[in-house]
Amino acid sequence: MATFKIIRVYEVPGEDQVQATNRMMEALMLRVERHYHVMDYVRLSDDPAGKGTKISLEPPKGWLAAFMDQLLGRYENSKA
């Protein structure tokens, strides 16, 4: 069985590394880290660093939301 690494990338503003780390810790405690989330990658653990495939870890829409989107003609732009 293969082992994979899933990497979440966040962009956190701050004047220095300590301030950015404190801001991220606060966001994690308040459960609002999604505000800083940029992208996700997955790669085999044997692959060299820097290589990977961009993925989306967002849960799929429920049937009611999908139905309302179709009914109202809304569509979602892909982020890739």
N, C-alpha and C. Protein backbone atom coordinates (compact mmCIF):
# COMPACT_ATOMS: atom_id res chain seq x y z
N MET A 1 0.84 -1.17 0.00
CA MET A 1 0.00 0.00 0.00
C MET A 1 0.89 1.24 0.00
N ALA A 2 0.56 2.17 -0.85
CA ALA A 2 1.35 3.41 -0.96
C ALA A 2 1.01 4.37 0.17
N THR A 3 1.97 5.22 0.50
CA THR A 3 1.77 6.27 1.50
C THR A 3 1.85 7.61 0.80
N PHE A 4 0.90 8.47 1.08
CA PHE A 4 0.83 9.77 0.44
C PHE A 4 0.99 10.87 1.48
N LYS A 5 1.49 12.02 1.02
CA LYS A 5 1.57 13.21 1.86
C LYS A 5 0.57 14.22 1.30
N ILE A 6 -0.25 14.77 2.18
CA ILE A 6 -1.19 15.81 1.79
C ILE A 6 -0.72 17.10 2.44
N ILE A 7 -0.52 18.11 1.62
CA ILE A 7 0.06 19.37 2.07
C ILE A 7 -0.97 20.48 1.91
N ARG A 8 -1.26 21.19 2.99
CA ARG A 8 -2.15 22.35 2.94
C ARG A 8 -1.29 23.60 2.95
N VAL A 9 -1.59 24.54 2.08
CA VAL A 9 -0.81 25.77 1.97
C VAL A 9 -1.67 26.94 2.45
N TYR A 10 -1.10 27.72 3.37
CA TYR A 10 -1.77 28.90 3.91
C TYR A 10 -0.90 30.12 3.64
N GLU A 11 -1.52 31.27 3.39
CA GLU A 11 -0.80 32.54 3.29
C GLU A 11 -1.31 33.41 4.44
N VAL A 12 -0.41 33.70 5.38
CA VAL A 12 -0.77 34.45 6.58
C VAL A 12 0.03 35.73 6.62
N PRO A 13 -0.64 36.88 6.70
CA PRO A 13 0.10 38.15 6.77
C PRO A 13 0.73 38.35 8.13
N GLY A 14 1.84 39.06 8.15
CA GLY A 14 2.52 39.38 9.40
C GLY A 14 3.80 40.15 9.11
N GLU A 15 4.24 40.92 10.11
CA GLU A 15 5.47 41.68 9.95
C GLU A 15 6.71 40.79 10.02
N ASP A 16 6.59 39.66 10.74
CA ASP A 16 7.68 38.71 10.83
C ASP A 16 7.10 37.31 11.04
N GLN A 17 7.96 36.31 11.10
CA GLN A 17 7.53 34.93 11.21
C GLN A 17 6.76 34.67 12.51
N VAL A 18 7.17 35.29 13.59
CA VAL A 18 6.52 35.09 14.88
C VAL A 18 5.08 35.63 14.85
N GLN A 19 4.90 36.81 14.30
CA GLN A 19 3.57 37.40 14.22
C GLN A 19 2.66 36.57 13.32
N ALA A 20 3.17 36.10 12.20
CA ALA A 20 2.37 35.26 11.30
C ALA A 20 2.01 33.94 11.98
N THR A 21 2.95 33.36 12.72
CA THR A 21 2.68 32.11 13.44
C THR A 21 1.62 32.32 14.50
N ASN A 22 1.72 33.41 15.25
CA ASN A 22 0.71 33.70 16.28
C ASN A 22 -0.66 33.92 15.66
N ARG A 23 -0.71 34.59 14.52
CA ARG A 23 -1.98 34.83 13.84
C ARG A 23 -2.59 33.51 13.36
N MET A 24 -1.74 32.61 12.85
CA MET A 24 -2.24 31.31 12.39
C MET A 24 -2.73 30.48 13.56
N MET A 25 -2.01 30.51 14.68
CA MET A 25 -2.43 29.77 15.88
C MET A 25 -3.79 30.28 16.37
N GLU A 26 -3.97 31.58 16.34
CA GLU A 26 -5.25 32.17 16.73
C GLU A 26 -6.36 31.74 15.79
N ALA A 27 -6.08 31.72 14.50
CA ALA A 27 -7.07 31.28 13.52
C ALA A 27 -7.43 29.81 13.73
N LEU A 28 -6.45 28.98 14.08
CA LEU A 28 -6.73 27.57 14.35
C LEU A 28 -7.61 27.41 15.58
N MET A 29 -7.33 28.17 16.63
CA MET A 29 -8.13 28.09 17.85
C MET A 29 -9.56 28.58 17.62
N LEU A 30 -9.72 29.59 16.78
CA LEU A 30 -11.05 30.13 16.48
C LEU A 30 -11.75 29.37 15.35
N ARG A 31 -11.05 28.41 14.76
CA ARG A 31 -11.56 27.58 13.66
C ARG A 31 -11.93 28.41 12.43
N VAL A 32 -11.09 29.39 12.12
CA VAL A 32 -11.29 30.22 10.92
C VAL A 32 -10.05 30.16 10.01
N GLU A 33 -9.29 29.06 10.08
CA GLU A 33 -8.08 28.95 9.26
C GLU A 33 -8.38 28.93 7.77
N ARG A 34 -9.63 28.66 7.40
CA ARG A 34 -10.01 28.64 5.98
C ARG A 34 -9.83 30.02 5.33
N HIS A 35 -9.81 31.07 6.15
CA HIS A 35 -9.60 32.41 5.60
C HIS A 35 -8.19 32.57 5.02
N TYR A 36 -7.24 31.80 5.52
CA TYR A 36 -5.86 31.87 5.05
C TYR A 36 -5.50 30.74 4.09
N HIS A 37 -6.41 29.78 3.89
CA HIS A 37 -6.13 28.62 3.06
C HIS A 37 -6.02 29.02 1.59
N VAL A 38 -4.97 28.52 0.92
CA VAL A 38 -4.73 28.85 -0.48
C VAL A 38 -4.94 27.64 -1.38
N MET A 39 -4.27 26.52 -1.08
CA MET A 39 -4.38 25.34 -1.94
C MET A 39 -3.94 24.09 -1.18
N ASP A 40 -4.22 22.93 -1.79
CA ASP A 40 -3.82 21.63 -1.25
C ASP A 40 -3.07 20.86 -2.32
N TYR A 41 -2.09 20.09 -1.89
CA TYR A 41 -1.32 19.22 -2.78
C TYR A 41 -1.30 17.82 -2.20
N VAL A 42 -1.18 16.82 -3.07
CA VAL A 42 -0.97 15.45 -2.65
C VAL A 42 0.19 14.89 -3.46
N ARG A 43 1.03 14.10 -2.79
CA ARG A 43 2.15 13.47 -3.48
C ARG A 43 2.54 12.19 -2.75
N LEU A 44 3.18 11.30 -3.47
CA LEU A 44 3.73 10.10 -2.85
C LEU A 44 4.83 10.51 -1.88
N SER A 45 4.97 9.79 -0.79
CA SER A 45 5.99 10.17 0.18
C SER A 45 7.40 9.96 -0.37
N ASP A 46 7.56 9.15 -1.42
CA ASP A 46 8.88 8.91 -2.03
C ASP A 46 9.27 10.00 -3.02
N ASP A 47 8.30 10.77 -3.53
CA ASP A 47 8.58 11.81 -4.52
C ASP A 47 9.46 12.90 -3.95
N PRO A 48 10.29 13.51 -4.78
CA PRO A 48 11.11 14.61 -4.29
C PRO A 48 10.26 15.81 -3.90
N ALA A 49 10.78 16.62 -3.01
CA ALA A 49 10.05 17.81 -2.56
C ALA A 49 9.79 18.74 -3.74
N GLY A 50 8.67 19.41 -3.71
CA GLY A 50 8.34 20.34 -4.78
C GLY A 50 7.44 19.75 -5.85
N LYS A 51 7.34 18.43 -5.93
CA LYS A 51 6.46 17.82 -6.91
C LYS A 51 5.19 17.38 -6.20
N GLY A 52 4.10 17.46 -6.91
CA GLY A 52 2.83 17.05 -6.35
C GLY A 52 1.70 17.42 -7.29
N THR A 53 0.50 17.01 -6.94
CA THR A 53 -0.67 17.29 -7.74
C THR A 53 -1.63 18.14 -6.93
N LYS A 54 -2.10 19.21 -7.53
CA LYS A 54 -3.05 20.09 -6.87
C LYS A 54 -4.39 19.37 -6.75
N ILE A 55 -5.01 19.42 -5.56
CA ILE A 55 -6.30 18.78 -5.33
C ILE A 55 -7.22 19.73 -4.59
N SER A 56 -8.48 19.39 -4.50
CA SER A 56 -9.45 20.14 -3.73
C SER A 56 -9.99 19.23 -2.63
N LEU A 57 -9.89 19.67 -1.38
CA LEU A 57 -10.38 18.89 -0.25
C LEU A 57 -11.72 19.41 0.28
N GLU A 58 -12.42 20.17 -0.55
CA GLU A 58 -13.73 20.67 -0.14
C GLU A 58 -14.76 19.56 -0.30
N PRO A 59 -15.67 19.41 0.68
CA PRO A 59 -16.69 18.37 0.55
C PRO A 59 -17.64 18.70 -0.60
N PRO A 60 -18.22 17.68 -1.22
CA PRO A 60 -19.14 17.95 -2.32
C PRO A 60 -20.41 18.63 -1.82
N LYS A 61 -21.10 19.30 -2.73
CA LYS A 61 -22.36 19.96 -2.38
C LYS A 61 -23.41 18.90 -2.07
N GLY A 62 -24.35 19.29 -1.25
CA GLY A 62 -25.50 18.43 -0.99
C GLY A 62 -26.46 18.49 -2.16
N TRP A 63 -27.41 17.59 -2.17
CA TRP A 63 -28.33 17.52 -3.30
C TRP A 63 -29.20 18.76 -3.40
N LEU A 64 -29.57 19.36 -2.26
CA LEU A 64 -30.44 20.54 -2.30
C LEU A 64 -29.70 21.74 -2.90
N ALA A 65 -28.44 21.93 -2.49
CA ALA A 65 -27.66 23.04 -3.04
C ALA A 65 -27.42 22.86 -4.53
N ALA A 66 -27.14 21.63 -4.96
CA ALA A 66 -26.93 21.36 -6.39
C ALA A 66 -28.22 21.61 -7.17
N PHE A 67 -29.35 21.21 -6.59
CA PHE A 67 -30.64 21.43 -7.25
C PHE A 67 -30.94 22.92 -7.39
N MET A 68 -30.70 23.69 -6.33
CA MET A 68 -30.95 25.13 -6.37
C MET A 68 -30.04 25.82 -7.39
N ASP A 69 -28.77 25.38 -7.48
CA ASP A 69 -27.85 25.94 -8.47
C ASP A 69 -28.36 25.70 -9.89
N GLN A 70 -28.86 24.48 -10.14
CA GLN A 70 -29.39 24.17 -11.47
C GLN A 70 -30.66 24.96 -11.74
N LEU A 71 -31.51 25.06 -10.74
CA LEU A 71 -32.78 25.76 -10.90
C LEU A 71 -32.58 27.24 -11.18
N LEU A 72 -31.61 27.85 -10.49
CA LEU A 72 -31.38 29.28 -10.64
C LEU A 72 -30.33 29.62 -11.69
N GLY A 73 -29.74 28.60 -12.32
CA GLY A 73 -28.76 28.83 -13.39
C GLY A 73 -27.41 29.29 -12.87
N ARG A 74 -27.10 29.01 -11.61
CA ARG A 74 -25.80 29.39 -11.06
C ARG A 74 -24.78 28.32 -11.42
N TYR A 75 -23.55 28.73 -11.56
CA TYR A 75 -22.47 27.79 -11.82
C TYR A 75 -21.26 28.24 -11.02
N GLU A 76 -20.36 27.30 -10.77
CA GLU A 76 -19.17 27.59 -9.98
C GLU A 76 -17.96 27.61 -10.90
N ASN A 77 -17.18 28.71 -10.84
CA ASN A 77 -15.94 28.78 -11.61
C ASN A 77 -14.93 27.87 -10.96
N SER A 78 -14.19 27.12 -11.76
CA SER A 78 -13.16 26.25 -11.20
C SER A 78 -12.00 27.09 -10.71
N LYS A 79 -11.41 26.69 -9.57
CA LYS A 79 -10.29 27.43 -8.98
C LYS A 79 -8.94 26.97 -9.52
N ALA A 80 -8.95 25.93 -10.33
CA ALA A 80 -7.67 25.39 -10.81
C ALA A 80 -7.10 26.19 -11.93
